[in-house]
Amino acid sequence: MKLVDLDGMMFVPVVDETHGGVTVEMKMTVGEFFGKFCQGFEPEVVEAIPVEWMSKFCADDIAEDQRETIEWMLKVWKREQEAQK
């Protein structure tokens, strides 16, 4: 499963017909994009922990058993990502 950050910013090219077809870029979040251009489509929203956050957390001063658990989870996740390629 792949997740998307609905709060992530993106630039969307939009053709402005009122100004002779000039293309401009609108800056919006991914969630705003879905709301504006994909009316009726509602992506499944789930809470997720970013892998980058887990890696940083693992580097912090935490108990060894917690570190081992997080490192194991990251190893399994990376192996699964490689298998999907």
Protein backbone atom coordinates (compact mmCIF):
# COMPACT_ATOMS: atom_id res chain seq x y z
CA MET A 1 0.00 0.00 0.00
CA LYS A 2 1.20 3.49 -0.80
CA LEU A 3 0.01 6.51 1.14
CA VAL A 4 -0.13 10.14 0.05
CA ASP A 5 0.28 13.17 2.29
CA LEU A 6 -2.93 15.13 1.66
CA ASP A 7 -1.26 18.20 3.18
CA GLY A 8 1.68 17.99 0.74
CA MET A 9 2.03 20.97 -1.56
CA MET A 10 1.97 20.66 -5.35
CA PHE A 11 1.93 22.90 -8.42
CA VAL A 12 -0.85 22.26 -10.92
CA PRO A 13 -0.68 23.75 -14.44
CA VAL A 14 -4.00 25.42 -15.31
CA VAL A 15 -4.91 26.95 -18.67
CA ASP A 16 -6.58 30.33 -18.19
CA GLU A 17 -8.97 30.68 -21.13
CA THR A 18 -9.97 34.18 -20.02
CA HIS A 19 -6.44 35.40 -20.78
CA GLY A 20 -5.87 33.81 -24.18
CA GLY A 21 -5.03 30.31 -22.99
CA VAL A 22 -2.11 31.33 -20.78
CA THR A 23 -0.91 28.48 -18.59
CA VAL A 24 -0.38 29.36 -14.94
CA GLU A 25 0.59 27.19 -12.02
CA MET A 26 -1.69 26.95 -9.01
CA LYS A 27 -0.10 25.98 -5.71
CA MET A 28 -2.37 23.73 -3.64
CA THR A 29 -2.30 20.78 -1.32
CA VAL A 30 -2.95 17.28 -2.64
CA GLY A 31 -6.21 17.30 -0.66
CA GLU A 32 -7.28 20.57 -2.30
CA PHE A 33 -6.43 19.06 -5.71
CA PHE A 34 -8.75 16.11 -5.09
CA GLY A 35 -11.50 18.46 -3.89
CA LYS A 36 -11.21 20.77 -6.90
CA PHE A 37 -10.51 18.40 -9.81
CA CYS A 38 -11.79 15.00 -8.69
CA GLN A 39 -15.23 15.83 -7.41
CA GLY A 40 -16.90 12.87 -5.77
CA PHE A 41 -13.64 11.01 -5.29
CA GLU A 42 -12.76 10.56 -1.64
CA PRO A 43 -9.47 8.77 -1.04
CA GLU A 44 -9.24 6.54 1.99
CA VAL A 45 -7.62 8.53 4.79
CA VAL A 46 -5.53 6.63 7.33
CA GLU A 47 -3.10 7.75 9.99
CA ALA A 48 0.47 6.86 9.08
CA ILE A 49 3.90 7.15 10.64
CA PRO A 50 6.51 8.34 8.11
CA VAL A 51 9.50 6.03 7.74
CA GLU A 52 11.77 9.06 8.04
CA TRP A 53 10.27 9.90 11.42
CA MET A 54 10.73 6.32 12.63
CA SER A 55 14.37 6.35 11.52
CA LYS A 56 15.00 9.63 13.36
CA PHE A 57 13.16 8.39 16.45
CA CYS A 58 15.30 5.25 16.40
CA ALA A 59 18.43 7.44 16.37
CA ASP A 60 17.25 9.30 19.48
CA ASP A 61 18.03 8.18 23.01
CA ILE A 62 15.51 5.35 23.48
CA ALA A 63 15.61 2.00 25.25
CA GLU A 64 17.54 -0.75 23.44
CA ASP A 65 14.49 -3.03 23.12
CA GLN A 66 12.51 -0.20 21.53
CA ARG A 67 15.36 0.51 19.12
CA GLU A 68 15.58 -3.18 18.14
CA THR A 69 11.83 -3.31 17.48
CA ILE A 70 11.88 -0.20 15.31
CA GLU A 71 14.99 -1.37 13.41
CA TRP A 72 13.28 -4.73 12.79
CA MET A 73 10.13 -2.99 11.50
CA LEU A 74 12.19 -0.79 9.17
CA LYS A 75 14.14 -3.81 7.89
CA VAL A 76 10.95 -5.73 7.14
CA TRP A 77 9.40 -2.66 5.48
CA LYS A 78 12.48 -2.11 3.27
CA ARG A 79 12.52 -5.79 2.28
CA GLU A 80 8.85 -5.58 1.31
CA GLN A 81 9.48 -2.42 -0.74
CA GLU A 82 12.29 -4.15 -2.64
CA ALA A 83 10.07 -7.17 -3.35
CA GLN A 84 7.41 -4.91 -4.88
CA LYS A 85 9.79 -3.35 -7.41
